[in-house]
Amino acid sequence: MNSHIIDRTLSNGLRVVILPNEKAPLVNVTVGYKVGSKDDSFSHKGFAHFFEHLMFDGSKNVKRGEFDALCSKAGGTFNAYTSYDQTIYHTTVPAHQLDLVLWLESDRMLQFGVGQIGLETQQKVVSEEIKQSVENQPYGTWRIEQGKLAFSDDCSYQWEVLGNRAHIESATLNEVASFFDRYYRPDNACLVIAGHVDISSVFESVEQYFGPIPKKDGIIPRNQFSSSMKKSGSHIVHDAVPLPAVFMSYHLDGFKSDRSVQADVLASAFGDGKSSRLYTNLVRDKKLASSAFCYADQREYASLLTFSATASQPGISHDQLIEELETEIRGMRTTPLNDHELEKAINAAATGFAYHLQTNAGMADLVCNQTLFWDDPMRAFSILDRYRSINKEDLTELYSSVIESSDPVVISVIPK
């Protein structure tokens, strides 16, 4: 497919990438905006995610509820997500319904159209989401505490993607419209069309719907980031949980660094599945933990590599869990990954990535990300090779430069 990619930029700055795929009579339309929670203002934490909800509640020519109804009637499915760095909208429909989706997406890029009823409706939805997934969820607040401890007060990575519930509940139409004007603009977006398309006419359709959207003046505002904003330390959270859990995180470079794929492989070796080191040693052999994992939380400017364990029974303290995690982490130096562990970890990390290549939506999502942050849609097709080129020396260097040379952020969640 990579040899057939068509990549153009409209006069208003919108980047357009076409990925022809005739295996099925379906097409996916993905629109990505380079705005995430790190772009929220300090007084409006959570607006990027809030906007993901608002964008389904009406636009200039589409009334409340019509986006859902029109897509469903056309036999389509749709979804969206927000991260620290981007907001992505996916819609998949039968190929002959492509123009419908292009019209819907262009209409909500053209002009903010949510009214007071839509605003209040989505405020309730997002407020409830924060309550259920964070505030009232066992161990749900550890990431909030992690952000406070890992980043300084002037860093917009300090808060979680869902943001501050009070900021969402008090948002006004003028405030959200202003957010739209700052970030929902063609030159801050990428449109990817993947699937069964007519190459000879697809760009005519794109120009028809997206071409008239005016190019906005002014620089897109961005919160600033510097390495001095990274912090470390430890904190104990007393929560309504049955057993202690520990989350130990190390600062990484942002996901544009070559170390990002190395961190994915290291996390896979230590925390992916029942044959991983953490599960084997802490859960199966020592029976100190009921669960143990490791993952790389990838962000544009500052990622985090987190090791975690939850006690298996009363009487096991958070201090014991910290000691055991530290022992496992030191084991990277004393007992480096063997060839089998490395191969298995690379395969696991690469498989998770390769899954994206199996569907139009996954491919469009990946290409959109590479275009937004690397300005290179073709880069999507070289990432598997980046995983496969990793060797044991790469992981040893990662360990030396990231883990041995820095102090972690340690969050312990213990029963009240």
Protein backbone atom coordinates (compact mmCIF):
# COMPACT_ATOMS: atom_id res chain seq x y z
CA MET A 1 0.00 0.00 0.00
CA ASN A 2 2.85 2.41 0.78
CA SER A 3 3.77 2.77 -2.90
CA HIS A 4 0.29 4.08 -3.68
CA ILE A 5 0.02 6.77 -1.01
CA ILE A 6 -1.12 10.14 -2.31
CA ASP A 7 -0.06 13.10 -0.18
CA ARG A 8 -1.18 16.68 -0.83
CA THR A 9 -1.80 19.91 1.05
CA LEU A 10 -4.77 22.18 0.33
CA SER A 11 -4.36 25.94 0.02
CA ASN A 12 -5.84 26.40 3.51
CA GLY A 13 -3.10 24.23 5.02
CA LEU A 14 -5.05 20.97 5.43
CA ARG A 15 -2.81 17.95 4.87
CA VAL A 16 -4.58 15.18 2.93
CA VAL A 17 -3.31 11.61 2.61
CA ILE A 18 -5.05 8.93 0.53
CA LEU A 19 -4.41 5.21 1.15
CA PRO A 20 -6.12 3.15 -1.58
CA ASN A 21 -7.17 -0.34 -0.48
CA GLU A 22 -9.66 -2.28 -2.60
CA LYS A 23 -9.83 -5.43 -0.47
CA ALA A 24 -13.32 -4.51 0.74
CA PRO A 25 -15.96 -1.98 -0.40
CA LEU A 26 -15.36 0.16 2.69
CA VAL A 27 -13.62 3.44 3.36
CA ASN A 28 -12.35 5.04 6.55
CA VAL A 29 -12.12 8.78 7.02
CA THR A 30 -9.82 9.90 9.82
CA VAL A 31 -9.39 13.52 10.83
CA GLY A 32 -6.64 14.25 13.32
CA TYR A 33 -6.07 17.55 15.08
CA LYS A 34 -2.74 18.34 16.69
CA VAL A 35 -4.28 19.26 20.00
CA GLY A 36 -4.32 17.23 23.18
CA SER A 37 -4.47 17.76 26.90
CA LYS A 38 -0.97 19.26 26.92
CA ASP A 39 -2.49 22.14 24.93
CA ASP A 40 -5.18 22.82 27.54
CA SER A 41 -4.81 26.09 29.38
CA PHE A 42 -4.09 25.94 33.09
CA SER A 43 -7.57 27.30 33.83
CA HIS A 44 -9.34 24.92 31.41
CA LYS A 45 -7.82 21.52 32.07
CA GLY A 46 -9.56 18.83 30.06
CA PHE A 47 -10.84 21.01 27.21
CA ALA A 48 -9.19 18.93 24.46
CA HIS A 49 -11.00 15.80 25.61
CA PHE A 50 -14.19 17.77 26.30
CA PHE A 51 -14.08 18.96 22.70
CA GLU A 52 -13.97 15.39 21.45
CA HIS A 53 -17.47 15.01 22.92
CA LEU A 54 -18.72 18.42 21.79
CA MET A 55 -17.81 17.73 18.17
CA PHE A 56 -20.53 15.08 17.99
CA ASP A 57 -23.19 17.46 19.30
CA GLY A 58 -23.83 19.63 16.29
CA SER A 59 -22.01 21.78 13.74
CA LYS A 60 -22.89 24.63 11.37
CA ASN A 61 -25.34 22.65 9.22
CA VAL A 62 -25.75 19.44 11.25
CA LYS A 63 -28.16 19.51 14.16
CA ARG A 64 -27.72 17.76 17.51
CA GLY A 65 -27.89 13.99 17.07
CA GLU A 66 -27.76 14.11 13.27
CA PHE A 67 -24.12 13.06 12.98
CA ASP A 68 -24.90 9.78 14.75
CA ALA A 69 -28.14 9.27 12.85
CA LEU A 70 -26.69 9.96 9.40
CA CYS A 71 -23.66 7.72 9.93
CA SER A 72 -25.74 4.89 11.33
CA LYS A 73 -28.29 5.14 8.53
CA ALA A 74 -25.44 4.93 6.02
CA GLY A 75 -24.22 1.71 7.63
CA GLY A 76 -21.23 3.37 9.22
CA THR A 77 -19.39 3.29 12.53
CA PHE A 78 -17.52 6.12 14.20
CA ASN A 79 -15.33 6.80 17.20
CA ALA A 80 -12.85 9.29 18.58
CA TYR A 81 -10.15 9.59 21.21
CA THR A 82 -7.97 12.22 22.84
CA SER A 83 -4.42 11.80 24.11
CA TYR A 84 -1.94 14.21 25.65
CA ASP A 85 -0.93 15.31 22.16
CA GLN A 86 -3.71 14.77 19.62
CA THR A 87 -7.44 14.30 19.03
CA ILE A 88 -8.53 11.77 16.41
CA TYR A 89 -11.93 11.21 14.76
CA HIS A 90 -12.61 7.94 12.87
CA THR A 91 -15.57 7.09 10.63
CA THR A 92 -15.91 3.95 8.49
CA VAL A 93 -18.70 3.63 5.92
CA PRO A 94 -19.50 1.73 2.72
CA ALA A 95 -17.34 3.20 -0.03
CA HIS A 96 -20.24 4.86 -1.84
CA GLN A 97 -20.97 6.93 1.30
CA LEU A 98 -17.59 8.68 1.29
CA ASP A 99 -19.04 12.05 0.29
CA LEU A 100 -21.41 11.98 3.26
CA VAL A 101 -18.53 11.65 5.72
CA LEU A 102 -16.45 14.29 3.96
CA TRP A 103 -19.38 16.68 4.26
CA LEU A 104 -19.93 15.87 7.95
CA GLU A 105 -16.25 16.29 8.84
CA SER A 106 -15.79 19.45 6.80
CA ASP A 107 -18.90 20.98 8.35
CA ARG A 108 -17.63 20.56 11.88
CA MET A 109 -14.19 21.86 10.91
CA LEU A 110 -15.75 24.90 9.24
CA GLN A 111 -17.51 26.48 12.20
CA PHE A 112 -18.30 25.72 15.83
CA GLY A 113 -22.00 24.92 16.01
CA VAL A 114 -22.71 23.61 19.50
CA GLY A 115 -25.44 25.40 21.45
CA GLN A 116 -26.13 25.77 25.15
CA ILE A 117 -28.13 22.53 25.36
CA GLY A 118 -25.32 20.59 23.71
CA LEU A 119 -22.75 22.18 26.00
CA GLU A 120 -24.69 21.30 29.15
CA THR A 121 -25.37 17.77 27.91
CA GLN A 122 -21.71 17.03 27.28
CA GLN A 123 -20.67 18.68 30.54
CA LYS A 124 -22.79 16.11 32.36
CA VAL A 125 -21.40 13.26 30.24
CA VAL A 126 -17.76 14.17 30.78
CA SER A 127 -18.28 14.99 34.45
CA GLU A 128 -19.76 11.54 34.98
CA GLU A 129 -16.89 9.96 33.02
CA ILE A 130 -14.37 11.59 35.36
CA LYS A 131 -16.28 10.41 38.41
CA GLN A 132 -16.57 6.83 37.19
CA SER A 133 -13.14 6.29 35.67
CA VAL A 134 -11.04 8.36 38.06
CA GLU A 135 -12.61 9.67 41.26
CA ASN A 136 -14.70 6.62 42.19
CA GLN A 137 -12.48 3.98 40.58
CA PRO A 138 -10.25 1.89 42.88
CA TYR A 139 -6.65 3.02 42.30
CA GLY A 140 -8.13 5.53 39.83
CA THR A 141 -6.32 8.62 41.10
CA TRP A 142 -2.74 7.36 40.90
CA ARG A 143 -2.15 8.92 37.49
CA ILE A 144 -3.33 12.30 38.77
CA GLU A 145 -0.84 12.08 41.62
CA GLN A 146 1.84 10.84 39.22
CA GLY A 147 1.43 13.93 37.04
CA LYS A 148 1.68 16.27 40.01
CA LEU A 149 4.87 14.59 41.17
CA ALA A 150 6.49 14.00 37.77
CA PHE A 151 6.12 17.52 36.36
CA SER A 152 6.42 21.04 37.72
CA ASP A 153 3.42 23.29 38.25
CA ASP A 154 4.12 25.21 35.04
CA CYS A 155 4.04 22.06 32.89
CA SER A 156 0.87 21.05 31.04
CA TYR A 157 1.77 17.36 31.27
CA GLN A 158 0.97 17.65 34.96
CA TRP A 159 -2.73 16.83 34.52
CA GLU A 160 -4.50 13.81 33.08
CA VAL A 161 -6.26 13.84 29.71
CA LEU A 162 -9.73 13.98 31.27
CA GLY A 163 -8.70 17.12 33.11
CA ASN A 164 -10.35 18.96 35.97
CA ARG A 165 -14.05 18.25 36.54
CA ALA A 166 -14.71 21.73 37.95
CA HIS A 167 -13.19 23.34 34.85
CA ILE A 168 -15.44 21.28 32.58
CA GLU A 169 -18.59 21.93 34.61
CA SER A 170 -18.00 25.70 34.61
CA ALA A 171 -17.11 26.03 30.91
CA THR A 172 -19.03 28.61 28.89
CA LEU A 173 -19.94 28.64 25.20
CA ASN A 174 -17.57 31.55 24.61
CA GLU A 175 -14.69 29.63 26.18
CA VAL A 176 -15.22 26.47 24.14
CA ALA A 177 -15.77 28.48 20.94
CA SER A 178 -12.45 30.22 21.59
CA PHE A 179 -10.76 26.82 21.98
CA PHE A 180 -12.24 25.77 18.63
CA ASP A 181 -10.89 28.87 16.91
CA ARG A 182 -7.38 28.27 18.29
CA TYR A 183 -6.98 24.60 17.39
CA TYR A 184 -9.72 23.35 15.04
CA ARG A 185 -8.25 24.84 11.91
CA PRO A 186 -7.14 23.24 8.62
CA ASP A 187 -3.44 23.96 9.14
CA ASN A 188 -3.56 22.09 12.47
CA ALA A 189 -5.21 19.00 11.01
CA CYS A 190 -4.63 15.97 8.83
CA LEU A 191 -7.28 14.19 6.76
CA VAL A 192 -6.58 10.54 5.91
CA ILE A 193 -8.86 8.52 3.62
CA ALA A 194 -8.12 4.79 3.62
CA GLY A 195 -10.00 2.16 1.68
CA HIS A 196 -11.88 1.63 -1.55
CA VAL A 197 -11.63 5.01 -3.31
CA ASP A 198 -11.66 6.27 -6.87
CA ILE A 199 -8.21 7.81 -7.28
CA SER A 200 -9.34 9.89 -10.25
CA SER A 201 -12.04 11.74 -8.31
CA VAL A 202 -11.34 11.51 -4.59
CA PHE A 203 -9.35 14.76 -4.45
CA GLU A 204 -12.11 16.57 -6.29
CA SER A 205 -14.43 15.55 -3.46
CA VAL A 206 -11.91 16.61 -0.83
CA GLU A 207 -11.50 20.01 -2.50
CA GLN A 208 -15.26 20.38 -2.81
CA TYR A 209 -15.89 19.94 0.90
CA PHE A 210 -12.70 21.10 2.61
CA GLY A 211 -11.30 23.59 0.09
CA PRO A 212 -13.73 26.42 0.98
CA ILE A 213 -12.78 26.34 4.67
CA PRO A 214 -10.83 29.58 5.22
CA LYS A 215 -7.21 29.50 6.29
CA LYS A 216 -6.93 31.04 9.73
CA ASP A 217 -4.44 33.76 10.56
CA GLY A 218 -2.08 33.79 13.49
CA ILE A 219 0.20 31.28 15.15
CA ILE A 220 -1.32 28.24 16.83
CA PRO A 221 -0.71 28.73 20.58
CA ARG A 222 1.35 26.06 22.34
CA ASN A 223 2.29 25.55 25.96
CA GLN A 224 6.04 25.48 26.39
CA PHE A 225 8.02 22.50 27.64
CA SER A 226 11.59 22.12 28.89
CA SER A 227 13.51 19.29 30.54
CA SER A 228 13.71 21.36 33.73
CA MET A 229 9.98 20.68 34.21
CA LYS A 230 10.68 16.99 34.94
CA LYS A 231 10.63 16.08 38.63
CA SER A 232 10.91 13.02 40.83
CA GLY A 233 9.87 11.98 44.33
CA SER A 234 7.47 9.73 46.19
CA HIS A 235 3.94 10.10 47.49
CA ILE A 236 1.48 7.90 49.37
CA VAL A 237 -2.21 7.99 48.44
CA HIS A 238 -4.71 6.72 51.02
CA ASP A 239 -7.67 5.37 49.08
CA ALA A 240 -10.65 3.01 49.37
CA VAL A 241 -8.68 0.05 48.02
CA PRO A 242 -8.36 -3.49 49.40
CA LEU A 243 -4.59 -3.89 48.96
CA PRO A 244 -1.52 -1.73 48.39
CA ALA A 245 -0.27 -0.98 44.88
CA VAL A 246 2.91 0.75 43.73
CA PHE A 247 3.58 2.65 40.50
CA MET A 248 7.25 3.45 39.84
CA SER A 249 7.96 5.68 36.83
CA TYR A 250 11.11 6.88 35.09
CA HIS A 251 11.32 9.85 32.74
CA LEU A 252 11.96 9.15 29.07
CA ASP A 253 12.52 11.42 26.11
CA GLY A 254 9.47 12.18 23.98
CA PHE A 255 8.12 9.74 21.41
CA LYS A 256 10.16 11.31 18.60
CA SER A 257 13.29 9.88 20.20
CA ASP A 258 14.77 6.60 18.93
CA ARG A 259 14.44 5.37 22.49
CA SER A 260 10.66 5.29 22.26
CA VAL A 261 10.58 1.95 20.43
CA GLN A 262 13.32 0.66 22.72
CA ALA A 263 11.17 1.56 25.72
CA ASP A 264 8.23 -0.31 24.18
CA VAL A 265 10.36 -3.45 23.83
CA LEU A 266 11.77 -3.14 27.35
CA ALA A 267 8.26 -2.70 28.74
CA SER A 268 7.11 -5.76 26.83
CA ALA A 269 9.93 -7.88 28.27
CA PHE A 270 9.16 -6.83 31.82
CA GLY A 271 5.42 -6.50 31.83
CA ASP A 272 3.65 -8.08 28.87
CA GLY A 273 2.01 -11.39 29.68
CA LYS A 274 2.53 -14.27 32.08
CA SER A 275 6.02 -15.03 30.79
CA SER A 276 7.27 -11.49 31.46
CA ARG A 277 9.83 -10.93 34.19
CA LEU A 278 7.55 -9.06 36.57
CA TYR A 279 4.76 -11.62 36.35
CA THR A 280 7.11 -14.60 36.55
CA ASN A 281 9.03 -13.34 39.58
CA LEU A 282 6.47 -11.34 41.59
CA VAL A 283 3.19 -13.09 40.78
CA ARG A 284 4.02 -16.70 39.94
CA ASP A 285 7.18 -17.46 41.92
CA LYS A 286 7.18 -15.17 44.97
CA LYS A 287 3.38 -14.76 45.08
CA LEU A 288 3.78 -11.24 46.43
CA ALA A 289 1.67 -9.59 43.75
CA SER A 290 -1.70 -10.34 42.20
CA SER A 291 -0.74 -8.33 39.13
CA ALA A 292 2.41 -6.70 37.81
CA PHE A 293 3.02 -4.78 34.63
CA CYS A 294 5.29 -2.35 32.83
CA TYR A 295 4.41 0.06 30.04
CA ALA A 296 5.79 3.09 28.23
CA ASP A 297 3.41 6.05 28.37
CA GLN A 298 4.47 7.80 25.16
CA ARG A 299 4.07 11.58 24.85
CA GLU A 300 5.51 14.13 22.44
CA TYR A 301 7.93 15.86 24.79
CA ALA A 302 8.27 13.69 27.90
CA SER A 303 7.27 10.04 28.18
CA LEU A 304 7.20 7.84 31.28
CA LEU A 305 8.27 4.21 31.76
CA THR A 306 6.16 2.75 34.57
CA PHE A 307 6.65 -0.44 36.59
CA SER A 308 3.78 -1.51 38.83
CA ALA A 309 2.73 -4.23 41.25
CA THR A 310 -0.39 -4.79 43.37
CA ALA A 311 -0.13 -6.83 46.59
CA SER A 312 -1.59 -10.32 46.45
CA GLN A 313 -2.82 -10.43 50.06
CA PRO A 314 -3.09 -8.40 53.29
CA GLY A 315 0.17 -8.06 55.15
CA ILE A 316 2.25 -7.22 52.10
CA SER A 317 3.19 -3.56 52.41
CA HIS A 318 3.85 -0.97 49.76
CA ASP A 319 7.44 -0.80 51.01
CA GLN A 320 7.85 -4.50 50.17
CA LEU A 321 6.46 -3.90 46.70
CA ILE A 322 8.83 -0.98 46.17
CA GLU A 323 11.78 -3.12 47.25
CA GLU A 324 10.76 -5.95 44.94
CA LEU A 325 10.29 -3.64 41.96
CA GLU A 326 13.68 -2.07 42.61
CA THR A 327 15.22 -5.55 42.69
CA GLU A 328 13.63 -6.42 39.36
CA ILE A 329 14.76 -3.15 37.82
CA ARG A 330 18.34 -3.63 39.04
CA GLY A 331 18.17 -7.09 37.49
CA MET A 332 18.31 -5.46 34.07
CA ARG A 333 21.99 -4.77 34.80
CA THR A 334 22.91 -7.99 36.60
CA THR A 335 20.87 -10.28 34.35
CA PRO A 336 20.34 -8.64 30.96
CA LEU A 337 17.71 -9.98 28.61
CA ASN A 338 18.79 -13.16 26.87
CA ASP A 339 18.27 -13.72 23.15
CA HIS A 340 14.95 -15.51 23.66
CA GLU A 341 13.56 -12.77 25.93
CA LEU A 342 14.62 -10.08 23.48
CA GLU A 343 13.11 -11.85 20.49
CA LYS A 344 9.85 -12.47 22.35
CA ALA A 345 9.65 -8.85 23.52
CA ILE A 346 10.34 -7.49 20.04
CA ASN A 347 7.72 -9.78 18.55
CA ALA A 348 5.14 -8.77 21.15
CA ALA A 349 5.77 -5.05 20.70
CA ALA A 350 5.84 -5.36 16.91
CA THR A 351 2.67 -7.45 16.87
CA GLY A 352 0.78 -4.80 18.80
CA PHE A 353 1.95 -2.24 16.30
CA ALA A 354 1.30 -4.44 13.27
CA TYR A 355 -2.32 -4.87 14.37
CA HIS A 356 -2.87 -1.30 13.23
CA LEU A 357 -1.91 -2.27 9.71
CA GLN A 358 -4.72 -4.81 9.39
CA THR A 359 -7.66 -2.40 9.06
CA ASN A 360 -8.33 0.81 7.19
CA ALA A 361 -9.05 2.59 10.47
CA GLY A 362 -5.85 1.38 12.10
CA MET A 363 -3.75 2.29 9.09
CA ALA A 364 -5.36 5.71 8.82
CA ASP A 365 -4.78 6.35 12.52
CA LEU A 366 -1.11 5.45 12.23
CA VAL A 367 -0.50 7.48 9.09
CA CYS A 368 -2.34 10.45 10.58
CA ASN A 369 -0.08 10.35 13.66
CA GLN A 370 3.10 10.15 11.58
CA THR A 371 1.94 13.05 9.44
CA LEU A 372 0.95 15.29 12.34
CA PHE A 373 4.17 14.82 14.32
CA TRP A 374 6.82 13.77 11.79
CA ASP A 375 5.39 15.44 8.68
CA ASP A 376 5.94 12.11 6.95
CA PRO A 377 3.10 9.67 6.24
CA MET A 378 5.57 7.21 4.69
CA ARG A 379 7.29 6.82 8.06
CA ALA A 380 4.40 4.59 9.13
CA PHE A 381 5.80 1.82 6.96
CA SER A 382 9.27 1.80 8.53
CA ILE A 383 8.30 1.49 12.19
CA LEU A 384 8.22 -2.32 12.16
CA ASP A 385 11.82 -2.29 10.95
CA ARG A 386 12.72 0.01 13.84
CA TYR A 387 11.42 -2.57 16.30
CA ARG A 388 13.20 -5.44 14.57
CA SER A 389 16.54 -3.62 14.56
CA ILE A 390 16.70 -3.30 18.36
CA ASN A 391 19.49 -5.26 20.06
CA LYS A 392 20.55 -5.97 23.62
CA GLU A 393 23.09 -3.14 23.56
CA ASP A 394 20.30 -0.66 22.80
CA LEU A 395 18.39 -1.77 25.89
CA THR A 396 21.52 -1.70 28.06
CA GLU A 397 22.16 1.87 26.93
CA LEU A 398 18.53 2.78 27.63
CA TYR A 399 18.83 1.32 31.12
CA SER A 400 22.07 3.20 31.81
CA SER A 401 20.92 6.56 30.52
CA VAL A 402 17.34 6.53 31.77
CA ILE A 403 17.04 4.33 34.84
CA GLU A 404 20.48 4.23 36.44
CA SER A 405 21.04 7.95 35.97
CA SER A 406 17.74 9.25 37.36
CA ASP A 407 15.42 8.99 40.34
CA PRO A 408 11.93 7.58 39.84
CA VAL A 409 8.49 8.95 40.55
CA VAL A 410 6.91 6.56 43.05
CA ILE A 411 3.19 6.56 43.82
CA SER A 412 1.98 4.16 46.52
CA VAL A 413 -1.76 3.61 46.88
CA ILE A 414 -2.65 2.03 50.22
CA PRO A 415 -5.92 1.22 52.03
CA LYS A 416 -7.39 3.96 54.20
